[in-house]
Amino acid sequence: MEVKPIEIVSELRGQISRLISLYQDLKLEKEKLVLEKMELLERVESLSKENEEFKHQYDTLKLAKTFAGNTGDSQQAKNKISQIVREIDKCIALLNK
């Protein structure tokens, strides 16, 4: 049985059409995934900032509790104050440059 050139061309056109359709579908899926990735990166950044804020609040509360009454923790409070003073000194030194 002989295959006619018209049949070959017709079959090739069908395959090319399917490939183009698949390409377009994959391209749309890629665009959706890129958008989803961007949203997730923004969410990670937002959660990271929120985490830093919570850490700062925790440290502040811990310091406040130390000042609130436990005399045994006075050394810890002094160390924390010294650390804060050193950080302020570093900031002042950077500003003076």
PDB file of N, CA and C in Angstrom:
ATOM      1  N   MET A   1       0.836  -1.169   0.000  1.00  0.00           N
ATOM      2  CA  MET A   1       0.000   0.000   0.000  1.00  0.00           C
ATOM      3  C   MET A   1       0.885   1.238   0.000  1.00  0.00           C
ATOM      4  N   GLU A   2       0.590   2.122  -0.882  1.00  0.00           N
ATOM      5  CA  GLU A   2       1.398   3.317  -1.089  1.00  0.00           C
ATOM      6  C   GLU A   2       0.781   4.503  -0.338  1.00  0.00           C
ATOM      7  N   VAL A   3       1.652   5.232   0.346  1.00  0.00           N
ATOM      8  CA  VAL A   3       1.194   6.415   1.070  1.00  0.00           C
ATOM      9  C   VAL A   3       1.363   7.610   0.144  1.00  0.00           C
ATOM     10  N   LYS A   4       0.284   8.365   0.021  1.00  0.00           N
ATOM     11  CA  LYS A   4       0.304   9.501  -0.879  1.00  0.00           C
ATOM     12  C   LYS A   4       0.921  10.709  -0.187  1.00  0.00           C
ATOM     13  N   PRO A   5       1.633  11.549  -0.954  1.00  0.00           N
ATOM     14  CA  PRO A   5       2.244  12.749  -0.375  1.00  0.00           C
ATOM     15  C   PRO A   5       1.217  13.665   0.307  1.00  0.00           C
ATOM     16  N   ILE A   6       0.017  13.702  -0.222  1.00  0.00           N
ATOM     17  CA  ILE A   6      -1.017  14.558   0.369  1.00  0.00           C
ATOM     18  C   ILE A   6      -1.361  14.064   1.771  1.00  0.00           C
ATOM     19  N   GLU A   7      -1.413  12.738   1.939  1.00  0.00           N
ATOM     20  CA  GLU A   7      -1.700  12.170   3.246  1.00  0.00           C
ATOM     21  C   GLU A   7      -0.575  12.487   4.238  1.00  0.00           C
ATOM     22  N   ILE A   8       0.669  12.415   3.766  1.00  0.00           N
ATOM     23  CA  ILE A   8       1.824  12.714   4.615  1.00  0.00           C
ATOM     24  C   ILE A   8       1.771  14.173   5.058  1.00  0.00           C
ATOM     25  N   VAL A   9       1.515  15.069   4.107  1.00  0.00           N
ATOM     26  CA  VAL A   9       1.439  16.497   4.413  1.00  0.00           C
ATOM     27  C   VAL A   9       0.291  16.757   5.393  1.00  0.00           C
ATOM     28  N   SER A  10      -0.830  16.127   5.157  1.00  0.00           N
ATOM     29  CA  SER A  10      -1.987  16.307   6.026  1.00  0.00           C
ATOM     30  C   SER A  10      -1.671  15.820   7.445  1.00  0.00           C
ATOM     31  N   GLU A  11      -1.016  14.682   7.528  1.00  0.00           N
ATOM     32  CA  GLU A  11      -0.651  14.147   8.833  1.00  0.00           C
ATOM     33  C   GLU A  11       0.361  15.063   9.530  1.00  0.00           C
ATOM     34  N   LEU A  12       1.330  15.579   8.786  1.00  0.00           N
ATOM     35  CA  LEU A  12       2.313  16.502   9.354  1.00  0.00           C
ATOM     36  C   LEU A  12       1.637  17.772   9.851  1.00  0.00           C
ATOM     37  N   ARG A  13       0.678  18.283   9.108  1.00  0.00           N
ATOM     38  CA  ARG A  13      -0.042  19.487   9.538  1.00  0.00           C
ATOM     39  C   ARG A  13      -0.796  19.216  10.842  1.00  0.00           C
ATOM     40  N   GLY A  14      -1.392  18.077  10.940  1.00  0.00           N
ATOM     41  CA  GLY A  14      -2.111  17.709  12.165  1.00  0.00           C
ATOM     42  C   GLY A  14      -1.170  17.632  13.354  1.00  0.00           C
ATOM     43  N   GLN A  15      -0.019  17.004  13.136  1.00  0.00           N
ATOM     44  CA  GLN A  15       0.961  16.897  14.218  1.00  0.00           C
ATOM     45  C   GLN A  15       1.502  18.268  14.605  1.00  0.00           C
ATOM     46  N   ILE A  16       1.764  19.103  13.614  1.00  0.00           N
ATOM     47  CA  ILE A  16       2.255  20.459  13.888  1.00  0.00           C
ATOM     48  C   ILE A  16       1.200  21.247  14.662  1.00  0.00           C
ATOM     49  N   SER A  17      -0.054  21.114  14.290  1.00  0.00           N
ATOM     50  CA  SER A  17      -1.139  21.800  15.005  1.00  0.00           C
ATOM     51  C   SER A  17      -1.210  21.347  16.453  1.00  0.00           C
ATOM     52  N   ARG A  18      -1.067  20.039  16.673  1.00  0.00           N
ATOM     53  CA  ARG A  18      -1.077  19.521  18.039  1.00  0.00           C
ATOM     54  C   ARG A  18       0.123  20.048  18.831  1.00  0.00           C
ATOM     55  N   LEU A  19       1.286  20.082  18.196  1.00  0.00           N
ATOM     56  CA  LEU A  19       2.479  20.601  18.868  1.00  0.00           C
ATOM     57  C   LEU A  19       2.321  22.077  19.223  1.00  0.00           C
ATOM     58  N   ILE A  20       1.763  22.861  18.307  1.00  0.00           N
ATOM     59  CA  ILE A  20       1.534  24.284  18.571  1.00  0.00           C
ATOM     60  C   ILE A  20       0.559  24.451  19.728  1.00  0.00           C
ATOM     61  N   SER A  21      -0.486  23.638  19.731  1.00  0.00           N
ATOM     62  CA  SER A  21      -1.468  23.693  20.815  1.00  0.00           C
ATOM     63  C   SER A  21      -0.828  23.336  22.153  1.00  0.00           C
ATOM     64  N   LEU A  22      -0.027  22.283  22.159  1.00  0.00           N
ATOM     65  CA  LEU A  22       0.672  21.891  23.388  1.00  0.00           C
ATOM     66  C   LEU A  22       1.634  22.981  23.846  1.00  0.00           C
ATOM     67  N   TYR A  23       2.340  23.571  22.902  1.00  0.00           N
ATOM     68  CA  TYR A  23       3.267  24.657  23.218  1.00  0.00           C
ATOM     69  C   TYR A  23       2.521  25.822  23.872  1.00  0.00           C
ATOM     70  N   GLN A  24       1.393  26.208  23.309  1.00  0.00           N
ATOM     71  CA  GLN A  24       0.624  27.319  23.863  1.00  0.00           C
ATOM     72  C   GLN A  24       0.089  26.984  25.258  1.00  0.00           C
ATOM     73  N   ASP A  25      -0.361  25.753  25.430  1.00  0.00           N
ATOM     74  CA  ASP A  25      -0.831  25.331  26.759  1.00  0.00           C
ATOM     75  C   ASP A  25       0.301  25.392  27.783  1.00  0.00           C
ATOM     76  N   LEU A  26       1.463  24.889  27.391  1.00  0.00           N
ATOM     77  CA  LEU A  26       2.609  24.908  28.304  1.00  0.00           C
ATOM     78  C   LEU A  26       3.075  26.331  28.586  1.00  0.00           C
ATOM     79  N   LYS A  27       2.988  27.177  27.590  1.00  0.00           N
ATOM     80  CA  LYS A  27       3.376  28.578  27.770  1.00  0.00           C
ATOM     81  C   LYS A  27       2.449  29.255  28.784  1.00  0.00           C
ATOM     82  N   LEU A  28       1.142  29.009  28.681  1.00  0.00           N
ATOM     83  CA  LEU A  28       0.188  29.558  29.647  1.00  0.00           C
ATOM     84  C   LEU A  28       0.445  29.017  31.051  1.00  0.00           C
ATOM     85  N   GLU A  29       0.721  27.719  31.126  1.00  0.00           N
ATOM     86  CA  GLU A  29       1.002  27.114  32.425  1.00  0.00           C
ATOM     87  C   GLU A  29       2.262  27.723  33.038  1.00  0.00           C
ATOM     88  N   LYS A  30       3.270  27.954  32.220  1.00  0.00           N
ATOM     89  CA  LYS A  30       4.506  28.569  32.703  1.00  0.00           C
ATOM     90  C   LYS A  30       4.222  29.961  33.243  1.00  0.00           C
ATOM     91  N   GLU A  31       3.433  30.753  32.527  1.00  0.00           N
ATOM     92  CA  GLU A  31       3.104  32.101  32.978  1.00  0.00           C
ATOM     93  C   GLU A  31       2.380  32.058  34.324  1.00  0.00           C
ATOM     94  N   LYS A  32       1.458  31.105  34.472  1.00  0.00           N
ATOM     95  CA  LYS A  32       0.750  30.960  35.747  1.00  0.00           C
ATOM     96  C   LYS A  32       1.715  30.603  36.868  1.00  0.00           C
ATOM     97  N   LEU A  33       2.652  29.699  36.573  1.00  0.00           N
ATOM     98  CA  LEU A  33       3.619  29.279  37.579  1.00  0.00           C
ATOM     99  C   LEU A  33       4.560  30.415  37.961  1.00  0.00           C
ATOM    100  N   VAL A  34       4.938  31.222  36.978  1.00  0.00           N
ATOM    101  CA  VAL A  34       5.804  32.372  37.268  1.00  0.00           C
ATOM    102  C   VAL A  34       5.067  33.346  38.187  1.00  0.00           C
ATOM    103  N   LEU A  35       3.797  33.607  37.907  1.00  0.00           N
ATOM    104  CA  LEU A  35       3.010  34.493  38.768  1.00  0.00           C
ATOM    105  C   LEU A  35       2.876  33.910  40.180  1.00  0.00           C
ATOM    106  N   GLU A  36       2.620  32.613  40.246  1.00  0.00           N
ATOM    107  CA  GLU A  36       2.496  31.963  41.545  1.00  0.00           C
ATOM    108  C   GLU A  36       3.808  32.052  42.321  1.00  0.00           C
ATOM    109  N   LYS A  37       4.909  31.872  41.614  1.00  0.00           N
ATOM    110  CA  LYS A  37       6.226  31.974  42.244  1.00  0.00           C
ATOM    111  C   LYS A  37       6.436  33.371  42.809  1.00  0.00           C
ATOM    112  N   MET A  38       6.092  34.396  42.041  1.00  0.00           N
ATOM    113  CA  MET A  38       6.247  35.771  42.499  1.00  0.00           C
ATOM    114  C   MET A  38       5.390  36.022  43.750  1.00  0.00           C
ATOM    115  N   GLU A  39       4.164  35.532  43.734  1.00  0.00           N
ATOM    116  CA  GLU A  39       3.287  35.700  44.890  1.00  0.00           C
ATOM    117  C   GLU A  39       3.863  35.000  46.119  1.00  0.00           C
ATOM    118  N   LEU A  40       4.404  33.810  45.905  1.00  0.00           N
ATOM    119  CA  LEU A  40       4.985  33.068  47.024  1.00  0.00           C
ATOM    120  C   LEU A  40       6.233  33.767  47.563  1.00  0.00           C
ATOM    121  N   LEU A  41       7.047  34.325  46.672  1.00  0.00           N
ATOM    122  CA  LEU A  41       8.231  35.063  47.125  1.00  0.00           C
ATOM    123  C   LEU A  41       7.830  36.290  47.932  1.00  0.00           C
ATOM    124  N   GLU A  42       6.786  36.986  47.484  1.00  0.00           N
ATOM    125  CA  GLU A  42       6.291  38.141  48.238  1.00  0.00           C
ATOM    126  C   GLU A  42       5.779  37.697  49.607  1.00  0.00           C
ATOM    127  N   ARG A  43       5.101  36.568  49.632  1.00  0.00           N
ATOM    128  CA  ARG A  43       4.566  36.041  50.897  1.00  0.00           C
ATOM    129  C   ARG A  43       5.705  35.673  51.846  1.00  0.00           C
ATOM    130  N   VAL A  44       6.754  35.053  51.302  1.00  0.00           N
ATOM    131  CA  VAL A  44       7.914  34.693  52.122  1.00  0.00           C
ATOM    132  C   VAL A  44       8.552  35.954  52.696  1.00  0.00           C
ATOM    133  N   GLU A  45       8.702  36.967  51.870  1.00  0.00           N
ATOM    134  CA  GLU A  45       9.298  38.226  52.332  1.00  0.00           C
ATOM    135  C   GLU A  45       8.440  38.858  53.425  1.00  0.00           C
ATOM    136  N   SER A  46       7.135  38.854  53.212  1.00  0.00           N
ATOM    137  CA  SER A  46       6.215  39.420  54.194  1.00  0.00           C
ATOM    138  C   SER A  46       6.303  38.661  55.515  1.00  0.00           C
ATOM    139  N   LEU A  47       6.313  37.333  55.435  1.00  0.00           N
ATOM    140  CA  LEU A  47       6.404  36.529  56.650  1.00  0.00           C
ATOM    141  C   LEU A  47       7.748  36.692  57.344  1.00  0.00           C
ATOM    142  N   SER A  48       8.779  36.884  56.563  1.00  0.00           N
ATOM    143  CA  SER A  48      10.099  37.106  57.138  1.00  0.00           C
ATOM    144  C   SER A  48      10.127  38.416  57.928  1.00  0.00           C
ATOM    145  N   LYS A  49       9.539  39.462  57.341  1.00  0.00           N
ATOM    146  CA  LYS A  49       9.468  40.751  58.051  1.00  0.00           C
ATOM    147  C   LYS A  49       8.636  40.617  59.316  1.00  0.00           C
ATOM    148  N   GLU A  50       7.530  39.907  59.207  1.00  0.00           N
ATOM    149  CA  GLU A  50       6.668  39.699  60.364  1.00  0.00           C
ATOM    150  C   GLU A  50       7.417  38.931  61.451  1.00  0.00           C
ATOM    151  N   ASN A  51       8.181  37.937  61.052  1.00  0.00           N
ATOM    152  CA  ASN A  51       8.979  37.162  61.998  1.00  0.00           C
ATOM    153  C   ASN A  51       9.990  38.053  62.713  1.00  0.00           C
ATOM    154  N   GLU A  52      10.646  38.938  61.969  1.00  0.00           N
ATOM    155  CA  GLU A  52      11.610  39.854  62.576  1.00  0.00           C
ATOM    156  C   GLU A  52      10.922  40.772  63.585  1.00  0.00           C
ATOM    157  N   GLU A  53       9.728  41.247  63.241  1.00  0.00           N
ATOM    158  CA  GLU A  53       8.982  42.096  64.164  1.00  0.00           C
ATOM    159  C   GLU A  53       8.641  41.333  65.445  1.00  0.00           C
ATOM    160  N   PHE A  54       8.222  40.076  65.299  1.00  0.00           N
ATOM    161  CA  PHE A  54       7.906  39.265  66.474  1.00  0.00           C
ATOM    162  C   PHE A  54       9.140  39.018  67.329  1.00  0.00           C
ATOM    163  N   LYS A  55      10.276  38.796  66.688  1.00  0.00           N
ATOM    164  CA  LYS A  55      11.519  38.611  67.444  1.00  0.00           C
ATOM    165  C   LYS A  55      11.841  39.871  68.243  1.00  0.00           C
ATOM    166  N   HIS A  56      11.677  41.023  67.601  1.00  0.00           N
ATOM    167  CA  HIS A  56      11.945  42.293  68.281  1.00  0.00           C
ATOM    168  C   HIS A  56      10.984  42.472  69.456  1.00  0.00           C
ATOM    169  N   GLN A  57       9.709  42.178  69.239  1.00  0.00           N
ATOM    170  CA  GLN A  57       8.724  42.290  70.321  1.00  0.00           C
ATOM    171  C   GLN A  57       9.055  41.329  71.461  1.00  0.00           C
ATOM    172  N   TYR A  58       9.489  40.135  71.105  1.00  0.00           N
ATOM    173  CA  TYR A  58       9.856  39.149  72.120  1.00  0.00           C
ATOM    174  C   TYR A  58      11.032  39.649  72.948  1.00  0.00           C
ATOM    175  N   ASP A  59      12.050  40.172  72.262  1.00  0.00           N
ATOM    176  CA  ASP A  59      13.216  40.691  72.981  1.00  0.00           C
ATOM    177  C   ASP A  59      12.822  41.853  73.897  1.00  0.00           C
ATOM    178  N   THR A  60      11.929  42.708  73.398  1.00  0.00           N
ATOM    179  CA  THR A  60      11.469  43.842  74.192  1.00  0.00           C
ATOM    180  C   THR A  60      10.710  43.366  75.427  1.00  0.00           C
ATOM    181  N   LEU A  61       9.830  42.393  75.231  1.00  0.00           N
ATOM    182  CA  LEU A  61       9.084  41.843  76.369  1.00  0.00           C
ATOM    183  C   LEU A  61      10.007  41.166  77.376  1.00  0.00           C
ATOM    184  N   LYS A  62      10.982  40.468  76.852  1.00  0.00           N
ATOM    185  CA  LYS A  62      11.931  39.790  77.727  1.00  0.00           C
ATOM    186  C   LYS A  62      12.701  40.815  78.567  1.00  0.00           C
ATOM    187  N   LEU A  63      13.101  41.899  77.928  1.00  0.00           N
ATOM    188  CA  LEU A  63      13.812  42.960  78.638  1.00  0.00           C
ATOM    189  C   LEU A  63      12.893  43.615  79.668  1.00  0.00           C
ATOM    190  N   ALA A  64      11.639  43.858  79.279  1.00  0.00           N
ATOM    191  CA  ALA A  64      10.685  44.475  80.201  1.00  0.00           C
ATOM    192  C   ALA A  64      10.446  43.582  81.417  1.00  0.00           C
ATOM    193  N   LYS A  65      10.344  42.276  81.172  1.00  0.00           N
ATOM    194  CA  LYS A  65      10.155  41.348  82.288  1.00  0.00           C
ATOM    195  C   LYS A  65      11.360  41.365  83.215  1.00  0.00           C
ATOM    196  N   THR A  66      12.531  41.496  82.628  1.00  0.00           N
ATOM    197  CA  THR A  66      13.747  41.524  83.428  1.00  0.00           C
ATOM    198  C   THR A  66      13.739  42.737  84.344  1.00  0.00           C
ATOM    199  N   PHE A  67      13.302  43.872  83.817  1.00  0.00           N
ATOM    200  CA  PHE A  67      13.237  45.085  84.626  1.00  0.00           C
ATOM    201  C   PHE A  67      12.083  45.040  85.624  1.00  0.00           C
ATOM    202  N   ALA A  68      11.091  44.234  85.360  1.00  0.00           N
ATOM    203  CA  ALA A  68       9.872  44.237  86.161  1.00  0.00           C
ATOM    204  C   ALA A  68      10.067  43.751  87.586  1.00  0.00           C
ATOM    205  N   GLY A  69      11.038  42.919  87.830  1.00  0.00           N
ATOM    206  CA  GLY A  69      11.089  42.529  89.225  1.00  0.00           C
ATOM    207  C   GLY A  69      12.096  41.489  89.624  1.00  0.00           C
ATOM    208  N   ASN A  70      12.479  40.639  88.775  1.00  0.00           N
ATOM    209  CA  ASN A  70      13.398  39.582  89.184  1.00  0.00           C
ATOM    210  C   ASN A  70      14.780  40.171  89.434  1.00  0.00           C
ATOM    211  N   THR A  71      15.165  40.217  90.691  1.00  0.00           N
ATOM    212  CA  THR A  71      16.478  40.773  91.016  1.00  0.00           C
ATOM    213  C   THR A  71      17.590  39.839  90.580  1.00  0.00           C
ATOM    214  N   GLY A  72      17.301  38.569  90.466  1.00  0.00           N
ATOM    215  CA  GLY A  72      18.304  37.608  90.016  1.00  0.00           C
ATOM    216  C   GLY A  72      18.677  37.801  88.563  1.00  0.00           C
ATOM    217  N   ASP A  73      17.792  38.431  87.805  1.00  0.00           N
ATOM    218  CA  ASP A  73      18.052  38.660  86.391  1.00  0.00           C
ATOM    219  C   ASP A  73      18.654  40.030  86.126  1.00  0.00           C
ATOM    220  N   SER A  74      19.086  40.728  87.175  1.00  0.00           N
ATOM    221  CA  SER A  74      19.616  42.073  86.975  1.00  0.00           C
ATOM    222  C   SER A  74      20.895  42.042  86.146  1.00  0.00           C
ATOM    223  N   GLN A  75      21.692  40.999  86.282  1.00  0.00           N
ATOM    224  CA  GLN A  75      22.911  40.891  85.475  1.00  0.00           C
ATOM    225  C   GLN A  75      22.551  40.749  84.008  1.00  0.00           C
ATOM    226  N   GLN A  76      21.506  39.980  83.732  1.00  0.00           N
ATOM    227  CA  GLN A  76      21.042  39.825  82.346  1.00  0.00           C
ATOM    228  C   GLN A  76      20.568  41.174  81.805  1.00  0.00           C
ATOM    229  N   ALA A  77      19.878  41.935  82.632  1.00  0.00           N
ATOM    230  CA  ALA A  77      19.405  43.258  82.214  1.00  0.00           C
ATOM    231  C   ALA A  77      20.579  44.181  81.929  1.00  0.00           C
ATOM    232  N   LYS A  78      21.582  44.147  82.797  1.00  0.00           N
ATOM    233  CA  LYS A  78      22.773  44.978  82.596  1.00  0.00           C
ATOM    234  C   LYS A  78      23.474  44.592  81.294  1.00  0.00           C
ATOM    235  N   ASN A  79      23.569  43.301  81.039  1.00  0.00           N
ATOM    236  CA  ASN A  79      24.199  42.847  79.792  1.00  0.00           C
ATOM    237  C   ASN A  79      23.422  43.323  78.574  1.00  0.00           C
ATOM    238  N   LYS A  80      22.094  43.251  78.661  1.00  0.00           N
ATOM    239  CA  LYS A  80      21.254  43.686  77.541  1.00  0.00           C
ATOM    240  C   LYS A  80      21.398  45.188  77.321  1.00  0.00           C
ATOM    241  N   ILE A  81      21.418  45.952  78.405  1.00  0.00           N
ATOM    242  CA  ILE A  81      21.597  47.407  78.281  1.00  0.00           C
ATOM    243  C   ILE A  81      22.954  47.709  77.665  1.00  0.00           C
ATOM    244  N   SER A  82      23.968  47.000  78.093  1.00  0.00           N
ATOM    245  CA  SER A  82      25.305  47.207  77.528  1.00  0.00           C
ATOM    246  C   SER A  82      25.313  46.899  76.030  1.00  0.00           C
ATOM    247  N   GLN A  83      24.634  45.839  75.666  1.00  0.00           N
ATOM    248  CA  GLN A  83      24.553  45.471  74.245  1.00  0.00           C
ATOM    249  C   GLN A  83      23.843  46.574  73.460  1.00  0.00           C
ATOM    250  N   ILE A  84      22.748  47.091  73.993  1.00  0.00           N
ATOM    251  CA  ILE A  84      22.003  48.160  73.310  1.00  0.00           C
ATOM    252  C   ILE A  84      22.868  49.400  73.179  1.00  0.00           C
ATOM    253  N   VAL A  85      23.600  49.750  74.240  1.00  0.00           N
ATOM    254  CA  VAL A  85      24.480  50.920  74.197  1.00  0.00           C
ATOM    255  C   VAL A  85      25.563  50.735  73.140  1.00  0.00           C
ATOM    256  N   ARG A  86      26.127  49.524  73.049  1.00  0.00           N
ATOM    257  CA  ARG A  86      27.150  49.264  72.020  1.00  0.00           C
ATOM    258  C   ARG A  86      26.567  49.413  70.619  1.00  0.00           C
ATOM    259  N   GLU A  87      25.335  48.919  70.416  1.00  0.00           N
ATOM    260  CA  GLU A  87      24.688  49.053  69.109  1.00  0.00           C
ATOM    261  C   GLU A  87      24.441  50.522  68.770  1.00  0.00           C
ATOM    262  N   ILE A  88      24.025  51.293  69.766  1.00  0.00           N
ATOM    263  CA  ILE A  88      23.810  52.730  69.549  1.00  0.00           C
ATOM    264  C   ILE A  88      25.126  53.406  69.216  1.00  0.00           C
ATOM    265  N   ASP A  89      26.197  53.040  69.928  1.00  0.00           N
ATOM    266  CA  ASP A  89      27.519  53.605  69.639  1.00  0.00           C
ATOM    267  C   ASP A  89      27.968  53.284  68.219  1.00  0.00           C
ATOM    268  N   LYS A  90      27.702  52.061  67.772  1.00  0.00           N
ATOM    269  CA  LYS A  90      28.053  51.685  66.399  1.00  0.00           C
ATOM    270  C   LYS A  90      27.278  52.540  65.397  1.00  0.00           C
ATOM    271  N   CYS A  91      25.994  52.742  65.669  1.00  0.00           N
ATOM    272  CA  CYS A  91      25.172  53.568  64.769  1.00  0.00           C
ATOM    273  C   CYS A  91      25.693  54.993  64.724  1.00  0.00           C
ATOM    274  N   ILE A  92      26.040  55.543  65.876  1.00  0.00           N
ATOM    275  CA  ILE A  92      26.575  56.905  65.919  1.00  0.00           C
ATOM    276  C   ILE A  92      27.885  56.987  65.154  1.00  0.00           C
ATOM    277  N   ALA A  93      28.734  55.980  65.332  1.00  0.00           N
ATOM    278  CA  ALA A  93      30.016  55.964  64.612  1.00  0.00           C
ATOM    279  C   ALA A  93      29.790  55.908  63.112  1.00  0.00           C
ATOM    280  N   LEU A  94      28.829  55.123  62.662  1.00  0.00           N
ATOM    281  CA  LEU A  94      28.516  55.047  61.231  1.00  0.00           C
ATOM    282  C   LEU A  94      27.966  56.372  60.712  1.00  0.00           C
ATOM    283  N   LEU A  95      27.166  57.037  61.522  1.00  0.00           N
ATOM    284  CA  LEU A  95      26.611  58.328  61.116  1.00  0.00           C
ATOM    285  C   LEU A  95      27.687  59.407  61.032  1.00  0.00           C
ATOM    286  N   ASN A  96      28.704  59.301  61.852  1.00  0.00           N
ATOM    287  CA  ASN A  96      29.774  60.298  61.853  1.00  0.00           C
ATOM    288  C   ASN A  96      30.745  60.133  60.698  1.00  0.00           C
ATOM    289  N   LYS A  97      30.706  59.008  60.034  1.00  0.00           N
ATOM    290  CA  LYS A  97      31.631  58.784  58.902  1.00  0.00           C
ATOM    291  C   LYS A  97      31.275  59.622  57.715  1.00  0.00           C
TER     292      LYS A  97
END
